[in-house]
Protein backbone atom coordinates (compact mmCIF):
# COMPACT_ATOMS: atom_id res chain seq x y z
CA MET A 1 0.80 -17.65 19.47
CA SER A 2 2.36 -14.24 19.15
CA PRO A 3 2.32 -12.50 15.74
CA GLU A 4 6.10 -12.65 15.53
CA LYS A 5 5.99 -16.46 15.38
CA ARG A 6 3.59 -16.60 12.43
CA HIS A 7 6.17 -15.37 9.95
CA GLU A 8 5.72 -15.82 6.21
CA GLU A 9 9.25 -14.67 5.31
CA GLN A 10 12.58 -14.52 7.07
CA PRO A 11 13.43 -11.14 8.63
CA TYR A 12 15.51 -8.75 6.54
CA CYS A 13 17.10 -5.37 7.12
CA ASP A 14 16.88 -2.05 5.26
CA GLY A 15 19.80 -0.54 7.16
CA THR A 16 17.74 1.00 9.97
CA HIS A 17 15.04 -1.59 10.74
CA HIS A 18 14.72 -5.34 11.00
CA GLN A 19 11.52 -6.18 9.13
CA ARG A 20 9.28 -9.19 8.87
CA TRP A 21 5.97 -9.96 7.17
CA VAL A 22 3.45 -11.55 9.54
CA ASP A 23 0.14 -12.79 8.12
CA GLY A 24 0.20 -10.05 5.53
CA PHE A 25 1.34 -7.33 7.94
CA LEU A 26 4.77 -5.75 8.04
CA PHE A 27 6.42 -5.37 11.43
CA ALA A 28 9.66 -3.43 11.86
CA SER A 29 11.99 -2.76 14.77
CA ARG A 30 14.93 -0.35 14.83
CA CYS A 31 18.42 -1.76 14.48
CA ASN A 32 21.99 -0.52 14.15
CA CYS A 33 22.99 -2.36 10.99
CA SER A 34 23.49 0.66 8.74
CA GLY A 35 27.26 0.68 9.19
CA LYS A 36 27.79 -3.09 9.12
CA GLY A 37 26.63 -4.17 5.68
CA PRO A 38 27.02 -3.02 2.09
CA ALA A 39 24.84 -0.10 1.06
CA VAL A 40 23.45 -2.18 -1.78
CA ASP A 41 21.78 -4.51 0.73
CA ALA A 42 19.76 -1.62 2.10
CA ALA A 43 18.77 -0.53 -1.41
CA LEU A 44 17.68 -4.04 -2.30
CA ALA A 45 15.65 -4.25 0.89
CA LEU A 46 13.87 -1.00 0.00
CA ASP A 47 13.06 -2.37 -3.44
CA ARG A 48 11.78 -5.57 -1.90
CA ARG A 49 9.42 -3.70 0.40
CA PHE A 50 8.13 -0.90 -1.76
CA GLY A 51 9.98 -0.60 -5.03
CA ASN A 52 9.08 -3.25 -7.61
CA ARG A 53 5.95 -4.40 -9.36
CA GLU A 54 5.42 -7.85 -10.85
CA ASP A 55 5.99 -6.49 -14.35
CA GLY A 56 9.32 -4.95 -13.33
CA ALA A 57 8.14 -1.32 -13.19
CA ARG A 58 9.05 0.52 -10.02
CA PHE A 59 6.69 1.97 -7.49
CA ASP A 60 8.41 5.32 -7.08
CA PHE A 61 7.67 8.91 -8.07
CA ASP A 62 9.86 8.83 -11.16
CA HIS A 63 7.94 5.88 -12.59
CA PHE A 64 4.48 7.31 -11.93
CA GLN A 65 3.16 8.48 -15.30
CA PRO A 66 0.45 11.16 -14.92
CA HIS A 67 -1.44 11.24 -18.20
CA ASN A 68 -4.02 13.85 -17.20
CA GLN A 69 -4.33 16.90 -14.99
CA SER A 70 -5.89 14.99 -12.08
CA LEU A 71 -2.93 12.62 -11.80
CA THR A 72 -0.43 15.47 -12.22
CA GLU A 73 -2.02 17.33 -9.31
CA ALA A 74 -2.16 14.15 -7.20
CA LEU A 75 1.56 13.53 -7.79
CA GLN A 76 2.39 17.12 -6.81
CA LYS A 77 0.41 16.79 -3.56
CA ILE A 78 2.05 13.50 -2.58
CA ARG A 79 5.51 14.90 -3.37
CA TRP A 80 4.67 17.81 -1.07
CA ILE A 81 3.83 15.35 1.72
CA ALA A 82 7.20 13.68 1.15
CA SER A 83 8.93 17.02 1.64
CA THR A 84 7.05 18.18 4.75
CA TRP A 85 5.59 15.10 6.49
CA SER A 86 3.01 17.44 8.02
CA LEU A 87 -0.25 16.06 6.60
CA GLY A 88 -1.69 12.80 5.31
CA ALA A 89 -4.05 12.08 2.45
CA VAL A 90 -7.06 10.01 1.47
CA LEU A 91 -6.30 8.84 -2.07
CA TRP A 92 -9.55 7.91 -3.76
CA GLY A 93 -10.50 6.92 -7.28
CA ASP A 94 -11.42 4.00 -9.47
CA THR A 95 -9.52 0.73 -9.46
CA GLY A 96 -6.23 1.05 -11.31
CA SER A 97 -6.10 4.85 -11.18
CA GLY A 98 -2.72 4.85 -9.40
CA LYS A 99 -3.64 5.17 -5.71
CA THR A 100 -1.49 2.30 -4.46
CA HIS A 101 1.40 3.30 -6.72
CA LEU A 102 1.51 6.78 -5.15
CA ALA A 103 1.09 5.37 -1.65
CA ARG A 104 3.93 2.89 -2.12
CA ALA A 105 6.10 5.55 -3.75
CA LEU A 106 5.62 7.69 -0.64
CA CYS A 107 6.61 4.71 1.54
CA TYR A 108 9.71 4.22 -0.57
CA GLU A 109 10.62 7.88 -0.14
CA ALA A 110 10.02 7.70 3.62
CA ALA A 111 12.22 4.62 3.97
CA ALA A 112 14.93 6.29 1.89
CA GLN A 113 14.82 9.17 4.38
CA ARG A 114 15.22 6.62 7.22
CA LYS A 115 11.65 6.94 8.38
CA ARG A 116 9.63 3.89 9.30
CA ALA A 117 6.84 3.19 6.80
CA ASP A 118 4.25 0.41 6.92
CA ILE A 119 1.44 -0.73 4.62
CA VAL A 120 -1.55 -2.71 5.91
CA SER A 121 -4.52 -4.13 4.07
CA SER A 122 -7.78 -2.81 5.49
CA PRO A 123 -9.82 -5.92 4.52
CA SER A 124 -7.27 -8.23 6.15
CA LEU A 125 -7.04 -6.13 9.31
CA GLN A 126 -10.80 -5.85 9.67
CA LYS A 127 -11.25 -9.58 9.08
CA TRP A 128 -8.73 -10.33 11.84
CA PHE A 129 -10.71 -8.24 14.31
CA ARG A 130 -14.00 -9.77 13.15
CA ASP A 131 -12.58 -13.29 13.57
CA SER A 132 -11.24 -12.39 17.02
CA GLN A 133 -14.70 -12.06 18.56
CA GLY A 134 -14.92 -14.70 21.25
CA TYR A 135 -11.22 -15.63 20.94
CA GLU A 136 -9.13 -13.58 23.32
CA ASP A 137 -5.77 -14.83 22.00
CA ILE A 138 -6.60 -13.66 18.47
CA ALA A 139 -7.90 -10.37 19.85
CA LEU A 140 -4.62 -9.82 21.67
CA ASP A 141 -2.70 -10.46 18.44
CA ALA A 142 -4.93 -8.03 16.54
CA ARG A 143 -4.43 -5.32 19.16
CA ALA A 144 -0.67 -6.00 19.13
CA ILE A 145 -0.63 -5.18 15.42
CA LEU A 146 -2.27 -1.80 16.02
CA ASP A 147 0.07 -1.11 18.94
CA LYS A 148 3.08 -1.72 16.70
CA LEU A 149 1.67 0.50 13.97
CA LYS A 150 1.31 3.43 16.37
CA ALA A 151 5.09 3.84 16.29
CA THR A 152 5.38 4.16 12.49
CA SER A 153 6.22 7.49 10.86
CA LEU A 154 4.10 6.75 7.78
CA LEU A 155 1.17 4.37 7.70
CA VAL A 156 -0.72 3.36 4.55
CA ILE A 157 -4.13 1.75 5.06
CA ASP A 158 -4.83 0.22 1.67
CA ASP A 159 -8.26 -0.53 0.16
CA LEU A 160 -10.38 0.94 2.93
CA GLY A 161 -14.01 0.13 2.16
CA THR A 162 -13.29 -2.81 -0.12
CA GLU A 163 -14.53 -5.11 2.61
CA ARG A 164 -18.02 -3.60 2.18
CA LYS A 165 -18.45 -5.80 -0.90
CA GLY A 166 -18.95 -8.72 1.46
CA ALA A 167 -22.14 -9.49 3.32
CA GLU A 168 -20.80 -8.70 6.78
CA ALA A 169 -20.92 -5.18 8.22
CA PRO A 170 -17.96 -3.75 10.16
CA SER A 171 -17.77 -5.37 13.59
CA ASP A 172 -18.21 -3.32 16.73
CA ILE A 173 -14.80 -4.38 18.04
CA TRP A 174 -13.15 -3.18 14.80
CA LEU A 175 -14.90 0.20 14.91
CA ARG A 176 -13.93 0.68 18.57
CA GLU A 177 -10.31 -0.44 18.24
CA PHE A 178 -9.79 1.53 15.04
CA LYS A 179 -11.13 4.72 16.64
CA GLU A 180 -8.82 4.29 19.64
CA PHE A 181 -5.89 3.67 17.31
CA LEU A 182 -6.56 6.81 15.28
CA ASP A 183 -6.93 8.90 18.43
CA SER A 184 -3.41 7.94 19.53
CA PHE A 185 -1.70 7.85 16.12
CA ARG A 186 0.80 10.69 15.63
CA GLY A 187 2.41 9.79 12.30
CA VAL A 188 1.42 10.60 8.71
CA LEU A 189 -1.63 8.62 7.58
CA ILE A 190 -2.37 7.66 3.97
CA VAL A 191 -5.65 5.93 3.13
CA THR A 192 -6.53 4.48 -0.28
CA MET A 193 -10.14 3.77 -1.24
CA ASN A 194 -12.28 3.44 -4.33
CA LEU A 195 -15.26 5.34 -2.92
CA ASN A 196 -15.63 9.07 -2.45
CA PRO A 197 -14.79 9.64 1.24
CA LYS A 198 -17.21 12.55 1.47
CA GLY A 199 -20.27 10.35 1.21
CA ASN A 200 -18.98 6.96 2.34
CA LEU A 201 -16.26 7.25 4.99
CA SER A 202 -18.59 7.44 8.00
CA ASP A 203 -20.40 4.28 6.83
CA ILE A 204 -17.09 2.44 6.70
CA VAL A 205 -15.35 3.52 9.92
CA GLY A 206 -17.99 5.39 11.92
CA GLU A 207 -18.56 9.10 12.38
CA LYS A 208 -15.85 9.63 15.03
CA SER A 209 -13.13 7.87 13.04
CA LYS A 210 -14.21 9.79 9.95
CA SER A 211 -13.74 13.03 11.88
CA ARG A 212 -10.25 11.96 12.99
CA ILE A 213 -9.22 10.92 9.47
CA SER A 214 -10.45 14.28 8.18
CA GLU A 215 -8.25 15.95 10.80
CA LEU A 216 -5.19 13.94 9.74
CA CYS A 217 -5.71 13.88 5.98
CA GLY A 218 -6.74 15.88 2.95
CA ALA A 219 -8.70 14.24 0.13
CA VAL A 220 -6.86 13.62 -3.16
CA HIS A 221 -8.97 12.44 -6.10
CA LEU A 222 -7.30 10.41 -8.85
CA ASP A 223 -9.68 10.74 -11.78
CA ALA A 224 -8.25 8.31 -14.32
CA PRO A 225 -9.17 5.07 -16.11
CA ASP A 226 -7.79 1.72 -15.05
CA TYR A 227 -4.15 1.61 -16.20
CA ARG A 228 -4.44 -2.18 -16.28
CA GLY A 229 -7.02 -1.87 -19.04
CA HIS A 230 -4.62 0.37 -20.93
CA ARG A 231 -1.84 -2.18 -20.42
CA ALA A 232 -4.15 -4.96 -21.65
CA LYS A 233 -4.80 -3.01 -24.88
CA GLN A 234 -1.06 -2.49 -25.35
CA ASN A 235 -0.41 -6.21 -24.87
CA ALA A 236 -3.18 -7.16 -27.31
CA ALA A 237 -1.79 -4.73 -29.89
CA ALA A 238 1.72 -6.14 -29.46
CA LEU A 239 0.46 -9.69 -29.97
CA ALA A 240 -1.53 -8.65 -33.01
CA ASP A 241 1.54 -6.94 -34.44
CA GLN A 242 3.60 -10.11 -33.92
CA ALA A 243 0.90 -12.19 -35.60
CA ARG A 244 1.10 -10.03 -38.73
CA LYS A 245 4.86 -10.53 -39.05
CA PRO A 246 6.14 -13.42 -41.20
CA ASN A 247 7.34 -16.47 -39.34
CA ILE A 248 11.09 -16.21 -39.90
CA ALA A 249 11.83 -19.64 -38.49
CA GLN A 250 9.29 -21.41 -40.70
CA GLU A 251 10.43 -19.50 -43.81
CA GLY A 252 14.00 -20.49 -43.11
CA LYS A 253 13.05 -24.17 -42.90
CA ALA A 254 11.15 -23.94 -46.17
CA HIS A 255 14.32 -22.93 -48.02
CA VAL A 256 16.56 -25.61 -46.60
CA PRO A 257 17.58 -27.85 -49.53
């Protein structure tokens, strides 16, 4: 079965591309719809792809809150990429430091400039190649994904290296196909990872792919604590504050004659 038939959502349009999620991967093909529908439809499509978080905050540059020098510098570097599109970046740092926020904000900016942008999960992609060993139809689907991604202007590979937490090492077919993909990729590449690429990248993707990523990207370290932990403290404080307030409803009932 071709990847296009395994759709999880109906196709939608951002004004320049018809897009569809397929097994966790976003495929897009150019269209000529920009003059046929209301501009708000395109804006909503952008928000649907890259713009909104579950808590309602937006994944864009204006809503990224750098609370230390490291994050301020990281934001400046990613904004520079959005203005030149001449170099990619390896965004690395602890979980919750803001790597994916910046990567998605860059995708949002690219789409707003009518550039094709795609985000793929490294663990999911690697698992697909690992599962394809011995199954040619799955292997063809996995290669088709990489072939489609070659045409994107901006590609985000999210959570590279996270799959190392499992027991299985990277498969030979993944290392080979990923190297060939990088050799032919001509867009802007963004990689997010928790580990320092300097000491770990070759273990994850092989020495040749590491060399290619180093050619395409500069390293950007986000040295910051997990914002989710900060949010959890804020939520706990808000609940504690509410608990200290008198129960207006109960007090009102007590005074009803």
